């Protein structure tokens, strides 16, 4: 299991999706989460005021390889885009 999460961490460190988006892995209550932060988001109530927005995605307990982790990361980006 450790190897699969090592692959994920490596990919998250390297991922680039949209300008202003940041990616990292965090631990919450003993569970891994992918945090996708939109650094260019602005406050809807105060336009022009920056308001970075973070989206947390639970990391599945699975044994993915590099190809499947890349696809999973991409799908999480799409989920964030659909949400916004």
PDB file of N, CA and C in Angstrom:
ATOM      1  N   UNK A   1       0.819  -1.194   0.000  1.00  0.00           N
ATOM      2  CA  UNK A   1       0.000   0.000   0.000  1.00  0.00           C
ATOM      3  C   UNK A   1       0.862   1.257   0.000  1.00  0.00           C
ATOM      4  N   UNK A   2       1.975   1.222   0.730  1.00  0.00           N
ATOM      5  CA  UNK A   2       2.812   2.421   0.828  1.00  0.00           C
ATOM      6  C   UNK A   2       3.305   2.851  -0.548  1.00  0.00           C
ATOM      7  N   UNK A   3       3.646   1.881  -1.404  1.00  0.00           N
ATOM      8  CA  UNK A   3       4.155   2.218  -2.731  1.00  0.00           C
ATOM      9  C   UNK A   3       3.133   2.988  -3.559  1.00  0.00           C
ATOM     10  N   UNK A   4       1.878   2.587  -3.492  1.00  0.00           N
ATOM     11  CA  UNK A   4       0.857   3.256  -4.296  1.00  0.00           C
ATOM     12  C   UNK A   4       0.680   4.706  -3.847  1.00  0.00           C
ATOM     13  N   UNK A   5       0.759   4.974  -2.543  1.00  0.00           N
ATOM     14  CA  UNK A   5       0.625   6.346  -2.069  1.00  0.00           C
ATOM     15  C   UNK A   5       1.885   7.158  -2.334  1.00  0.00           C
ATOM     16  N   UNK A   6       3.039   6.492  -2.405  1.00  0.00           N
ATOM     17  CA  UNK A   6       4.269   7.176  -2.814  1.00  0.00           C
ATOM     18  C   UNK A   6       4.146   7.665  -4.252  1.00  0.00           C
ATOM     19  N   UNK A   7       3.569   6.841  -5.103  1.00  0.00           N
ATOM     20  CA  UNK A   7       3.341   7.233  -6.502  1.00  0.00           C
ATOM     21  C   UNK A   7       2.404   8.440  -6.540  1.00  0.00           C
ATOM     22  N   UNK A   8       1.328   8.383  -5.773  1.00  0.00           N
ATOM     23  CA  UNK A   8       0.381   9.496  -5.735  1.00  0.00           C
ATOM     24  C   UNK A   8       1.058  10.782  -5.268  1.00  0.00           C
ATOM     25  N   UNK A   9       1.815  10.712  -4.200  1.00  0.00           N
ATOM     26  CA  UNK A   9       2.490  11.917  -3.677  1.00  0.00           C
ATOM     27  C   UNK A   9       3.435  12.497  -4.723  1.00  0.00           C
ATOM     28  N   UNK A  10       4.174  11.657  -5.419  1.00  0.00           N
ATOM     29  CA  UNK A  10       5.086  12.117  -6.465  1.00  0.00           C
ATOM     30  C   UNK A  10       4.309  12.840  -7.553  1.00  0.00           C
ATOM     31  N   UNK A  11       3.212  12.259  -8.001  1.00  0.00           N
ATOM     32  CA  UNK A  11       2.415  12.877  -9.058  1.00  0.00           C
ATOM     33  C   UNK A  11       1.801  14.193  -8.603  1.00  0.00           C
ATOM     34  N   UNK A  12       1.316  14.245  -7.367  1.00  0.00           N
ATOM     35  CA  UNK A  12       0.715  15.479  -6.847  1.00  0.00           C
ATOM     36  C   UNK A  12       1.766  16.592  -6.781  1.00  0.00           C
ATOM     37  N   UNK A  13       2.997  16.249  -6.439  1.00  0.00           N
ATOM     38  CA  UNK A  13       4.070  17.251  -6.417  1.00  0.00           C
ATOM     39  C   UNK A  13       4.366  17.809  -7.802  1.00  0.00           C
ATOM     40  N   UNK A  14       4.099  17.027  -8.840  1.00  0.00           N
ATOM     41  CA  UNK A  14       4.433  17.418 -10.214  1.00  0.00           C
ATOM     42  C   UNK A  14       3.255  17.977 -11.012  1.00  0.00           C
ATOM     43  N   UNK A  15       2.033  17.801 -10.523  1.00  0.00           N
ATOM     44  CA  UNK A  15       0.854  18.118 -11.331  1.00  0.00           C
ATOM     45  C   UNK A  15       0.727  19.621 -11.616  1.00  0.00           C
ATOM     46  N   UNK A  16       0.320  19.915 -12.846  1.00  0.00           N
ATOM     47  CA  UNK A  16      -0.016  21.269 -13.270  1.00  0.00           C
ATOM     48  C   UNK A  16      -1.325  21.154 -14.026  1.00  0.00           C
ATOM     49  N   UNK A  17      -2.290  21.992 -13.688  1.00  0.00           N
ATOM     50  CA  UNK A  17      -3.584  21.895 -14.356  1.00  0.00           C
ATOM     51  C   UNK A  17      -3.995  23.255 -14.910  1.00  0.00           C
ATOM     52  N   UNK A  18      -4.275  24.200 -14.037  1.00  0.00           N
ATOM     53  CA  UNK A  18      -4.661  25.545 -14.467  1.00  0.00           C
ATOM     54  C   UNK A  18      -3.797  26.553 -13.714  1.00  0.00           C
ATOM     55  N   UNK A  19      -3.549  27.716 -14.334  1.00  0.00           N
ATOM     56  CA  UNK A  19      -2.790  28.743 -13.605  1.00  0.00           C
ATOM     57  C   UNK A  19      -3.500  29.103 -12.298  1.00  0.00           C
ATOM     58  N   UNK A  20      -2.740  29.160 -11.233  1.00  0.00           N
ATOM     59  CA  UNK A  20      -3.304  29.519  -9.938  1.00  0.00           C
ATOM     60  C   UNK A  20      -3.800  28.352  -9.109  1.00  0.00           C
ATOM     61  N   UNK A  21      -3.785  27.146  -9.677  1.00  0.00           N
ATOM     62  CA  UNK A  21      -4.217  25.980  -8.918  1.00  0.00           C
ATOM     63  C   UNK A  21      -3.004  25.343  -8.237  1.00  0.00           C
ATOM     64  N   UNK A  22      -3.187  24.954  -6.974  1.00  0.00           N
ATOM     65  CA  UNK A  22      -2.135  24.285  -6.202  1.00  0.00           C
ATOM     66  C   UNK A  22      -2.669  22.948  -5.698  1.00  0.00           C
ATOM     67  N   UNK A  23      -1.789  21.966  -5.623  1.00  0.00           N
ATOM     68  CA  UNK A  23      -2.171  20.610  -5.232  1.00  0.00           C
ATOM     69  C   UNK A  23      -1.264  20.123  -4.116  1.00  0.00           C
ATOM     70  N   UNK A  24      -1.857  19.457  -3.129  1.00  0.00           N
ATOM     71  CA  UNK A  24      -1.061  18.781  -2.114  1.00  0.00           C
ATOM     72  C   UNK A  24      -1.900  17.692  -1.461  1.00  0.00           C
ATOM     73  N   UNK A  25      -1.217  16.838  -0.710  1.00  0.00           N
ATOM     74  CA  UNK A  25      -1.865  15.769   0.032  1.00  0.00           C
ATOM     75  C   UNK A  25      -1.826  16.161   1.500  1.00  0.00           C
ATOM     76  N   UNK A  26      -2.969  16.078   2.164  1.00  0.00           N
ATOM     77  CA  UNK A  26      -3.055  16.381   3.588  1.00  0.00           C
ATOM     78  C   UNK A  26      -3.649  15.180   4.309  1.00  0.00           C
ATOM     79  N   UNK A  27      -3.403  15.112   5.608  1.00  0.00           N
ATOM     80  CA  UNK A  27      -3.972  14.048   6.436  1.00  0.00           C
ATOM     81  C   UNK A  27      -5.005  14.687   7.357  1.00  0.00           C
ATOM     82  N   UNK A  28      -6.233  14.187   7.289  1.00  0.00           N
ATOM     83  CA  UNK A  28      -7.319  14.648   8.157  1.00  0.00           C
ATOM     84  C   UNK A  28      -7.902  13.446   8.879  1.00  0.00           C
ATOM     85  N   UNK A  29      -7.867  13.483  10.180  1.00  0.00           N
ATOM     86  CA  UNK A  29      -8.426  12.389  10.983  1.00  0.00           C
ATOM     87  C   UNK A  29      -7.889  11.032  10.545  1.00  0.00           C
ATOM     88  N   UNK A  30      -6.605  10.988  10.208  1.00  0.00           N
ATOM     89  CA  UNK A  30      -5.960   9.739   9.818  1.00  0.00           C
ATOM     90  C   UNK A  30      -6.193   9.318   8.382  1.00  0.00           C
ATOM     91  N   UNK A  31      -6.931  10.112   7.606  1.00  0.00           N
ATOM     92  CA  UNK A  31      -7.218   9.764   6.212  1.00  0.00           C
ATOM     93  C   UNK A  31      -6.526  10.755   5.270  1.00  0.00           C
ATOM     94  N   UNK A  32      -6.088  10.240   4.131  1.00  0.00           N
ATOM     95  CA  UNK A  32      -5.458  11.105   3.129  1.00  0.00           C
ATOM     96  C   UNK A  32      -6.512  11.839   2.318  1.00  0.00           C
ATOM     97  N   UNK A  33      -6.221  13.090   2.016  1.00  0.00           N
ATOM     98  CA  UNK A  33      -7.090  13.912   1.176  1.00  0.00           C
ATOM     99  C   UNK A  33      -6.230  14.625   0.142  1.00  0.00           C
ATOM    100  N   UNK A  34      -6.747  14.722  -1.059  1.00  0.00           N
ATOM    101  CA  UNK A  34      -6.129  15.559  -2.077  1.00  0.00           C
ATOM    102  C   UNK A  34      -6.748  16.942  -1.923  1.00  0.00           C
ATOM    103  N   UNK A  35      -5.904  17.955  -1.702  1.00  0.00           N
ATOM    104  CA  UNK A  35      -6.391  19.326  -1.590  1.00  0.00           C
ATOM    105  C   UNK A  35      -6.051  20.059  -2.879  1.00  0.00           C
ATOM    106  N   UNK A  36      -7.086  20.569  -3.527  1.00  0.00           N
ATOM    107  CA  UNK A  36      -6.929  21.357  -4.739  1.00  0.00           C
ATOM    108  C   UNK A  36      -7.335  22.777  -4.371  1.00  0.00           C
ATOM    109  N   UNK A  37      -6.392  23.708  -4.458  1.00  0.00           N
ATOM    110  CA  UNK A  37      -6.652  25.090  -4.067  1.00  0.00           C
ATOM    111  C   UNK A  37      -6.598  25.986  -5.289  1.00  0.00           C
ATOM    112  N   UNK A  38      -7.663  26.751  -5.482  1.00  0.00           N
ATOM    113  CA  UNK A  38      -7.719  27.757  -6.546  1.00  0.00           C
ATOM    114  C   UNK A  38      -7.268  29.074  -5.931  1.00  0.00           C
ATOM    115  N   UNK A  39      -6.026  29.454  -6.202  1.00  0.00           N
ATOM    116  CA  UNK A  39      -5.442  30.657  -5.616  1.00  0.00           C
ATOM    117  C   UNK A  39      -5.973  31.935  -6.265  1.00  0.00           C
ATOM    118  N   UNK A  40      -6.602  31.829  -7.426  1.00  0.00           N
ATOM    119  CA  UNK A  40      -7.083  33.010  -8.140  1.00  0.00           C
ATOM    120  C   UNK A  40      -8.576  33.271  -7.915  1.00  0.00           C
ATOM    121  N   UNK A  41      -9.182  32.523  -7.040  1.00  0.00           N
ATOM    122  CA  UNK A  41     -10.605  32.699  -6.772  1.00  0.00           C
ATOM    123  C   UNK A  41     -10.816  34.057  -6.085  1.00  0.00           C
ATOM    124  N   UNK A  42     -11.942  34.690  -6.375  1.00  0.00           N
ATOM    125  CA  UNK A  42     -12.263  35.979  -5.748  1.00  0.00           C
ATOM    126  C   UNK A  42     -13.568  35.846  -4.962  1.00  0.00           C
ATOM    127  N   UNK A  43     -13.715  36.694  -3.987  1.00  0.00           N
ATOM    128  CA  UNK A  43     -14.896  36.722  -3.136  1.00  0.00           C
ATOM    129  C   UNK A  43     -16.090  37.225  -3.944  1.00  0.00           C
ATOM    130  N   UNK A  44     -17.153  36.429  -4.023  1.00  0.00           N
ATOM    131  CA  UNK A  44     -18.339  36.801  -4.799  1.00  0.00           C
ATOM    132  C   UNK A  44     -19.052  38.012  -4.203  1.00  0.00           C
ATOM    133  N   UNK A  45     -18.923  38.219  -2.891  1.00  0.00           N
ATOM    134  CA  UNK A  45     -19.588  39.336  -2.236  1.00  0.00           C
ATOM    135  C   UNK A  45     -18.752  40.613  -2.275  1.00  0.00           C
ATOM    136  N   UNK A  46     -17.456  40.462  -2.462  1.00  0.00           N
ATOM    137  CA  UNK A  46     -16.536  41.605  -2.553  1.00  0.00           C
ATOM    138  C   UNK A  46     -15.639  41.407  -3.767  1.00  0.00           C
ATOM    139  N   UNK A  47     -16.169  41.595  -4.970  1.00  0.00           N
ATOM    140  CA  UNK A  47     -15.372  41.357  -6.183  1.00  0.00           C
ATOM    141  C   UNK A  47     -14.038  42.111  -6.134  1.00  0.00           C
ATOM    142  N   UNK A  48     -13.038  41.428  -6.603  1.00  0.00           N
ATOM    143  CA  UNK A  48     -11.697  42.004  -6.576  1.00  0.00           C
ATOM    144  C   UNK A  48     -10.906  41.601  -5.348  1.00  0.00           C
ATOM    145  N   UNK A  49     -11.591  41.107  -4.326  1.00  0.00           N
ATOM    146  CA  UNK A  49     -10.887  40.664  -3.120  1.00  0.00           C
ATOM    147  C   UNK A  49     -10.529  39.184  -3.268  1.00  0.00           C
ATOM    148  N   UNK A  50      -9.245  38.849  -3.225  1.00  0.00           N
ATOM    149  CA  UNK A  50      -8.839  37.445  -3.373  1.00  0.00           C
ATOM    150  C   UNK A  50      -9.394  36.582  -2.240  1.00  0.00           C
ATOM    151  N   UNK A  51      -9.774  35.385  -2.595  1.00  0.00           N
ATOM    152  CA  UNK A  51     -10.275  34.439  -1.603  1.00  0.00           C
ATOM    153  C   UNK A  51      -9.913  33.025  -2.059  1.00  0.00           C
ATOM    154  N   UNK A  52      -8.685  32.582  -1.774  1.00  0.00           N
ATOM    155  CA  UNK A  52      -8.303  31.227  -2.175  1.00  0.00           C
ATOM    156  C   UNK A  52      -9.324  30.213  -1.664  1.00  0.00           C
ATOM    157  N   UNK A  53      -9.679  29.280  -2.534  1.00  0.00           N
ATOM    158  CA  UNK A  53     -10.707  28.298  -2.214  1.00  0.00           C
ATOM    159  C   UNK A  53     -10.122  26.898  -2.346  1.00  0.00           C
ATOM    160  N   UNK A  54     -10.228  26.123  -1.277  1.00  0.00           N
ATOM    161  CA  UNK A  54      -9.674  24.762  -1.270  1.00  0.00           C
ATOM    162  C   UNK A  54     -10.795  23.731  -1.364  1.00  0.00           C
ATOM    163  N   UNK A  55     -10.554  22.722  -2.160  1.00  0.00           N
ATOM    164  CA  UNK A  55     -11.467  21.591  -2.314  1.00  0.00           C
ATOM    165  C   UNK A  55     -10.726  20.344  -1.839  1.00  0.00           C
ATOM    166  N   UNK A  56     -11.358  19.571  -0.983  1.00  0.00           N
ATOM    167  CA  UNK A  56     -10.746  18.368  -0.419  1.00  0.00           C
ATOM    168  C   UNK A  56     -11.417  17.136  -1.014  1.00  0.00           C
ATOM    169  N   UNK A  57     -10.602  16.250  -1.567  1.00  0.00           N
ATOM    170  CA  UNK A  57     -11.099  15.018  -2.168  1.00  0.00           C
ATOM    171  C   UNK A  57     -10.522  13.830  -1.396  1.00  0.00           C
ATOM    172  N   UNK A  58     -11.363  12.914  -0.916  1.00  0.00           N
ATOM    173  CA  UNK A  58     -10.833  11.740  -0.210  1.00  0.00           C
ATOM    174  C   UNK A  58     -10.031  10.850  -1.157  1.00  0.00           C
ATOM    175  N   UNK A  59      -8.880  10.426  -0.690  1.00  0.00           N
ATOM    176  CA  UNK A  59      -8.031   9.523  -1.475  1.00  0.00           C
ATOM    177  C   UNK A  59      -8.520   8.097  -1.243  1.00  0.00           C
ATOM    178  N   UNK A  60      -8.842   7.377  -2.306  1.00  0.00           N
ATOM    179  CA  UNK A  60      -9.330   6.008  -2.122  1.00  0.00           C
ATOM    180  C   UNK A  60      -8.222   5.079  -1.615  1.00  0.00           C
ATOM    181  N   UNK A  61      -8.621   4.121  -0.827  1.00  0.00           N
ATOM    182  CA  UNK A  61      -7.678   3.104  -0.359  1.00  0.00           C
ATOM    183  C   UNK A  61      -7.652   2.030  -1.430  1.00  0.00           C
ATOM    184  N   UNK A  62      -6.641   2.113  -2.271  1.00  0.00           N
ATOM    185  CA  UNK A  62      -6.554   1.228  -3.423  1.00  0.00           C
ATOM    186  C   UNK A  62      -5.094   1.055  -3.810  1.00  0.00           C
ATOM    187  N   UNK A  63      -4.827   0.221  -4.762  1.00  0.00           N
ATOM    188  CA  UNK A  63      -3.453   0.000  -5.226  1.00  0.00           C
ATOM    189  C   UNK A  63      -3.331   0.407  -6.687  1.00  0.00           C
ATOM    190  N   UNK A  64      -3.497   1.685  -6.948  1.00  0.00           N
ATOM    191  CA  UNK A  64      -3.357   2.208  -8.301  1.00  0.00           C
ATOM    192  C   UNK A  64      -1.890   2.269  -8.716  1.00  0.00           C
ATOM    193  N   UNK A  65      -1.679   2.250 -10.027  1.00  0.00           N
ATOM    194  CA  UNK A  65      -0.343   2.491 -10.564  1.00  0.00           C
ATOM    195  C   UNK A  65      -0.289   3.948 -11.030  1.00  0.00           C
ATOM    196  N   UNK A  66       0.804   4.339 -11.659  1.00  0.00           N
ATOM    197  CA  UNK A  66       0.963   5.735 -12.064  1.00  0.00           C
ATOM    198  C   UNK A  66      -0.133   6.188 -13.035  1.00  0.00           C
ATOM    199  N   UNK A  67      -0.439   5.348 -13.997  1.00  0.00           N
ATOM    200  CA  UNK A  67      -1.450   5.701 -14.995  1.00  0.00           C
ATOM    201  C   UNK A  67      -2.824   5.919 -14.353  1.00  0.00           C
ATOM    202  N   UNK A  68      -3.219   5.028 -13.460  1.00  0.00           N
ATOM    203  CA  UNK A  68      -4.537   5.161 -12.852  1.00  0.00           C
ATOM    204  C   UNK A  68      -4.584   6.318 -11.847  1.00  0.00           C
ATOM    205  N   UNK A  69      -3.482   6.617 -11.163  1.00  0.00           N
ATOM    206  CA  UNK A  69      -3.458   7.786 -10.273  1.00  0.00           C
ATOM    207  C   UNK A  69      -3.566   9.074 -11.086  1.00  0.00           C
ATOM    208  N   UNK A  70      -2.914   9.128 -12.233  1.00  0.00           N
ATOM    209  CA  UNK A  70      -3.023  10.322 -13.085  1.00  0.00           C
ATOM    210  C   UNK A  70      -4.474  10.539 -13.491  1.00  0.00           C
ATOM    211  N   UNK A  71      -5.134   9.481 -13.883  1.00  0.00           N
ATOM    212  CA  UNK A  71      -6.537   9.588 -14.271  1.00  0.00           C
ATOM    213  C   UNK A  71      -7.388  10.027 -13.094  1.00  0.00           C
ATOM    214  N   UNK A  72      -7.121   9.500 -11.903  1.00  0.00           N
ATOM    215  CA  UNK A  72      -7.878   9.861 -10.710  1.00  0.00           C
ATOM    216  C   UNK A  72      -7.698  11.347 -10.390  1.00  0.00           C
ATOM    217  N   UNK A  73      -6.461  11.835 -10.466  1.00  0.00           N
ATOM    218  CA  UNK A  73      -6.200  13.257 -10.214  1.00  0.00           C
ATOM    219  C   UNK A  73      -6.964  14.108 -11.224  1.00  0.00           C
ATOM    220  N   UNK A  74      -6.914  13.721 -12.491  1.00  0.00           N
ATOM    221  CA  UNK A  74      -7.647  14.451 -13.528  1.00  0.00           C
ATOM    222  C   UNK A  74      -9.142  14.488 -13.224  1.00  0.00           C
ATOM    223  N   UNK A  75      -9.708  13.355 -12.812  1.00  0.00           N
ATOM    224  CA  UNK A  75     -11.136  13.292 -12.490  1.00  0.00           C
ATOM    225  C   UNK A  75     -11.475  14.200 -11.304  1.00  0.00           C
ATOM    226  N   UNK A  76     -10.566  14.320 -10.355  1.00  0.00           N
ATOM    227  CA  UNK A  76     -10.815  15.214  -9.220  1.00  0.00           C
ATOM    228  C   UNK A  76     -10.800  16.676  -9.681  1.00  0.00           C
ATOM    229  N   UNK A  77      -9.935  16.994 -10.622  1.00  0.00           N
ATOM    230  CA  UNK A  77      -9.919  18.349 -11.189  1.00  0.00           C
ATOM    231  C   UNK A  77     -11.239  18.635 -11.898  1.00  0.00           C
ATOM    232  N   UNK A  78     -11.727  17.674 -12.616  1.00  0.00           N
ATOM    233  CA  UNK A  78     -13.020  17.843 -13.297  1.00  0.00           C
ATOM    234  C   UNK A  78     -14.151  18.030 -12.308  1.00  0.00           C
ATOM    235  N   UNK A  79     -14.109  17.311 -11.188  1.00  0.00           N
ATOM    236  CA  UNK A  79     -15.134  17.471 -10.154  1.00  0.00           C
ATOM    237  C   UNK A  79     -15.128  18.896  -9.612  1.00  0.00           C
ATOM    238  N   UNK A  80     -13.929  19.437  -9.390  1.00  0.00           N
ATOM    239  CA  UNK A  80     -13.822  20.821  -8.897  1.00  0.00           C
ATOM    240  C   UNK A  80     -14.386  21.771  -9.935  1.00  0.00           C
ATOM    241  N   UNK A  81     -14.025  21.580 -11.195  1.00  0.00           N
ATOM    242  CA  UNK A  81     -14.537  22.444 -12.263  1.00  0.00           C
ATOM    243  C   UNK A  81     -16.066  22.371 -12.342  1.00  0.00           C
ATOM    244  N   UNK A  82     -16.625  21.190 -12.246  1.00  0.00           N
ATOM    245  CA  UNK A  82     -18.089  21.038 -12.290  1.00  0.00           C
ATOM    246  C   UNK A  82     -18.759  21.720 -11.097  1.00  0.00           C
ATOM    247  N   UNK A  83     -18.092  21.682  -9.972  1.00  0.00           N
ATOM    248  CA  UNK A  83     -18.639  22.290  -8.751  1.00  0.00           C
ATOM    249  C   UNK A  83     -18.683  23.813  -8.884  1.00  0.00           C
ATOM    250  N   UNK A  84     -17.633  24.376  -9.450  1.00  0.00           N
ATOM    251  CA  UNK A  84     -17.562  25.832  -9.567  1.00  0.00           C
ATOM    252  C   UNK A  84     -18.415  26.279 -10.723  1.00  0.00           C
TER     253      UNK A  84
END
